Amino acid sequence: MVLRTIFFFCLFTLVSCQSAYLKSVGGDPDQIISKIYQAEFPLIWEATLDVLKTTALETVNREVGSIETAWIDNRDALNLLEAAGNPAPYNRARYRLKITISKGFYEGKPSTRVLVKREQEVLRDVLEGYVPKETDGVAERTLLYRVGRIAAVRRRIQMLEEERLKEKDPGLDAPSGK
């Protein structure tokens, strides 16, 4: 029992020290957040484009399942969020989203996986250049949530329209008795 406690204490200490080290050297700026939707690819593709309709898109390739936004300036938002603990404000800050949408099967049903990567860069000094900054994941998770909600609403509308058509013409589902 004592050995087990010591083992878990050492393991916890090593893991926590490693995460603190990663934070001190800039963390993981290449964090990718993903979600699997139990829906067909066209529905999720259109929902993703609807979420991004107010954003300038740089690359859109449906065959590959790739969407990339143009660089978006967010200096004011970062300076506001980090005003309390940040001694020098950012001269410039920008980000872009790289989204990959792929078809697949999950538990035997057709599904679509959406991966979102946010590339955040900040500039404090012109001589230093742009430096990658770790993302907090809020924008990525918000985008995935919105895609899911739009897809659910569209799926529900499609089901209601199918039910309405069945009520108008009940002979559509009846098998032919020849």
Protein backbone atom coordinates (compact mmCIF):
# COMPACT_ATOMS: atom_id res chain seq x y z
CA MET A 1 0.00 0.00 0.00
CA VAL A 2 2.82 2.38 0.90
CA LEU A 3 4.73 1.51 -2.28
CA ARG A 4 1.64 2.16 -4.36
CA THR A 5 1.17 5.57 -2.74
CA ILE A 6 4.82 6.49 -3.32
CA PHE A 7 4.59 5.32 -6.94
CA PHE A 8 1.52 7.45 -7.67
CA PHE A 9 3.06 10.45 -5.91
CA CYS A 10 6.22 10.18 -8.03
CA LEU A 11 4.20 9.70 -11.21
CA PHE A 12 2.03 12.74 -10.42
CA THR A 13 5.12 14.84 -9.67
CA LEU A 14 6.80 13.89 -12.95
CA VAL A 15 3.69 14.59 -15.03
CA SER A 16 3.00 17.93 -13.37
CA CYS A 17 6.63 19.03 -13.75
CA GLN A 18 6.60 18.10 -17.42
CA SER A 19 3.44 20.12 -18.09
CA ALA A 20 4.93 23.09 -16.22
CA TYR A 21 8.06 22.80 -18.36
CA LEU A 22 6.00 22.72 -21.56
CA LYS A 23 4.17 25.85 -20.45
CA SER A 24 7.43 27.63 -19.68
CA VAL A 25 8.89 26.99 -23.14
CA GLY A 26 5.77 28.00 -25.04
CA GLY A 27 3.57 24.94 -24.73
CA ASP A 28 2.15 23.11 -27.70
CA PRO A 29 1.06 25.66 -30.31
CA ASP A 30 -0.03 22.82 -32.62
CA GLN A 31 -2.98 21.71 -30.54
CA ILE A 32 -5.65 20.08 -32.72
CA ILE A 33 -9.20 19.73 -31.42
CA SER A 34 -11.58 17.31 -33.11
CA LYS A 35 -15.08 15.93 -32.91
CA ILE A 36 -16.89 13.06 -34.61
CA TYR A 37 -20.45 13.72 -35.80
CA GLN A 38 -22.91 10.94 -36.58
CA ALA A 39 -23.91 12.61 -39.83
CA GLU A 40 -23.15 12.48 -43.53
CA PHE A 41 -20.22 14.44 -44.96
CA PRO A 42 -22.31 16.92 -47.07
CA LEU A 43 -24.36 17.99 -44.05
CA ILE A 44 -21.28 18.67 -41.90
CA TRP A 45 -19.44 20.37 -44.78
CA GLU A 46 -22.31 22.82 -45.36
CA ALA A 47 -22.72 23.42 -41.62
CA THR A 48 -19.01 24.24 -41.32
CA LEU A 49 -19.20 26.70 -44.21
CA ASP A 50 -22.26 28.31 -42.58
CA VAL A 51 -20.34 28.79 -39.33
CA LEU A 52 -17.50 30.44 -41.27
CA LYS A 53 -19.67 32.56 -43.58
CA THR A 54 -18.57 35.84 -41.96
CA THR A 55 -14.89 34.87 -42.10
CA ALA A 56 -12.62 35.40 -45.10
CA LEU A 57 -11.68 31.99 -46.48
CA GLU A 58 -8.32 31.47 -48.14
CA THR A 59 -8.65 27.84 -49.23
CA VAL A 60 -11.77 25.71 -49.68
CA ASN A 61 -11.36 22.23 -51.14
CA ARG A 62 -14.31 19.88 -50.76
CA GLU A 63 -12.61 16.89 -52.43
CA VAL A 64 -9.79 16.95 -49.89
CA GLY A 65 -12.05 18.16 -47.05
CA SER A 66 -9.91 21.18 -46.25
CA ILE A 67 -10.85 24.74 -45.26
CA GLU A 68 -8.35 27.43 -44.30
CA THR A 69 -9.24 30.96 -43.24
CA ALA A 70 -7.23 34.05 -44.01
CA TRP A 71 -5.19 35.60 -41.19
CA ILE A 72 -7.50 37.38 -38.74
CA ASP A 73 -6.23 40.25 -36.58
CA ASN A 74 -7.01 39.80 -32.89
CA ARG A 75 -4.48 42.09 -31.22
CA ASP A 76 -7.11 44.03 -29.28
CA ALA A 77 -8.71 40.87 -27.89
CA LEU A 78 -5.39 39.42 -26.72
CA ASN A 79 -4.24 42.71 -25.18
CA LEU A 80 -7.53 43.00 -23.32
CA LEU A 81 -7.43 39.41 -22.04
CA GLU A 82 -3.82 39.56 -20.91
CA ALA A 83 -3.81 43.13 -19.56
CA ALA A 84 -3.54 42.09 -15.93
CA GLY A 85 -0.46 39.88 -16.15
CA ASN A 86 1.17 41.08 -19.35
CA PRO A 87 3.80 43.84 -18.96
CA ALA A 88 4.13 44.66 -22.67
CA PRO A 89 1.14 44.62 -25.03
CA TYR A 90 1.35 42.92 -28.39
CA ASN A 91 2.08 45.14 -31.39
CA ARG A 92 0.31 42.64 -33.62
CA ALA A 93 -1.52 39.38 -33.14
CA ARG A 94 -3.19 37.21 -35.71
CA TYR A 95 -4.67 33.76 -36.11
CA ARG A 96 -6.10 31.49 -38.74
CA LEU A 97 -8.09 28.29 -38.63
CA LYS A 98 -7.22 25.14 -40.51
CA ILE A 99 -10.15 22.75 -40.66
CA THR A 100 -10.07 19.20 -42.00
CA ILE A 101 -13.29 17.28 -42.57
CA SER A 102 -13.17 13.57 -43.33
CA LYS A 103 -15.67 10.78 -43.93
CA GLY A 104 -15.66 7.63 -41.91
CA PHE A 105 -17.65 5.11 -39.90
CA TYR A 106 -18.21 5.21 -36.17
CA GLU A 107 -19.85 2.23 -34.49
CA GLY A 108 -20.96 0.94 -37.90
CA LYS A 109 -22.73 4.15 -38.93
CA PRO A 110 -21.55 6.79 -41.39
CA SER A 111 -19.87 9.63 -39.58
CA THR A 112 -17.81 12.72 -40.23
CA ARG A 113 -14.76 13.86 -38.27
CA VAL A 114 -13.89 17.54 -38.04
CA LEU A 115 -10.40 18.61 -36.93
CA VAL A 116 -9.76 22.26 -36.08
CA LYS A 117 -6.30 23.74 -35.65
CA ARG A 118 -5.86 27.38 -34.69
CA GLU A 119 -2.51 28.94 -35.56
CA GLN A 120 -1.99 31.95 -33.28
CA GLU A 121 0.99 34.27 -33.79
CA VAL A 122 1.96 37.32 -31.77
CA LEU A 123 4.44 40.13 -32.42
CA ARG A 124 5.86 42.18 -29.56
CA ASP A 125 8.98 43.45 -31.24
CA VAL A 126 9.60 43.94 -34.96
CA LEU A 127 13.10 42.50 -34.64
CA GLU A 128 11.78 39.39 -32.93
CA GLY A 129 9.19 38.58 -35.59
CA TYR A 130 6.01 36.59 -35.16
CA VAL A 131 6.13 33.99 -32.41
CA PRO A 132 3.64 31.09 -32.17
CA LYS A 133 1.35 31.29 -29.15
CA GLU A 134 -0.53 28.42 -27.57
CA THR A 135 -4.28 28.51 -28.04
CA ASP A 136 -6.74 28.05 -25.20
CA GLY A 137 -9.07 25.95 -27.39
CA VAL A 138 -12.17 28.06 -26.82
CA ALA A 139 -12.54 29.23 -30.43
CA GLU A 140 -12.05 25.69 -31.75
CA ARG A 141 -14.59 24.16 -29.37
CA THR A 142 -17.04 26.96 -30.12
CA LEU A 143 -16.74 26.30 -33.85
CA LEU A 144 -17.32 22.57 -33.33
CA TYR A 145 -20.34 23.28 -31.12
CA ARG A 146 -21.86 25.57 -33.74
CA VAL A 147 -21.28 23.00 -36.50
CA GLY A 148 -23.05 20.38 -34.39
CA ARG A 149 -26.02 22.64 -33.65
CA ILE A 150 -26.47 23.68 -37.29
CA ALA A 151 -26.26 20.04 -38.40
CA ALA A 152 -28.81 18.97 -35.77
CA VAL A 153 -31.26 21.70 -36.79
CA ARG A 154 -30.91 20.82 -40.49
CA ARG A 155 -31.35 17.12 -39.77
CA ARG A 156 -34.51 17.86 -37.76
CA ILE A 157 -35.91 20.06 -40.56
CA GLN A 158 -35.22 17.29 -43.07
CA MET A 159 -37.03 14.73 -40.88
CA LEU A 160 -40.04 17.03 -40.47
CA GLU A 161 -40.23 17.59 -44.23
CA GLU A 162 -40.12 13.83 -44.85
CA GLU A 163 -42.93 13.28 -42.32
CA ARG A 164 -44.98 16.02 -43.96
CA LEU A 165 -44.55 14.39 -47.39
CA LYS A 166 -45.59 11.01 -45.97
CA GLU A 167 -48.76 12.57 -44.52
CA LYS A 168 -49.65 14.12 -47.89
CA ASP A 169 -49.16 10.91 -49.84
CA PRO A 170 -49.36 7.85 -47.56
CA GLY A 171 -48.95 5.51 -50.56
CA LEU A 172 -45.24 6.33 -50.83
CA ASP A 173 -44.22 3.82 -48.18
CA ALA A 174 -46.73 1.10 -49.06
CA PRO A 175 -45.10 -1.89 -50.78
CA SER A 176 -46.53 -2.88 -54.10
CA GLY A 177 -48.58 -6.07 -53.75
CA LYS A 178 -48.06 -7.60 -57.20
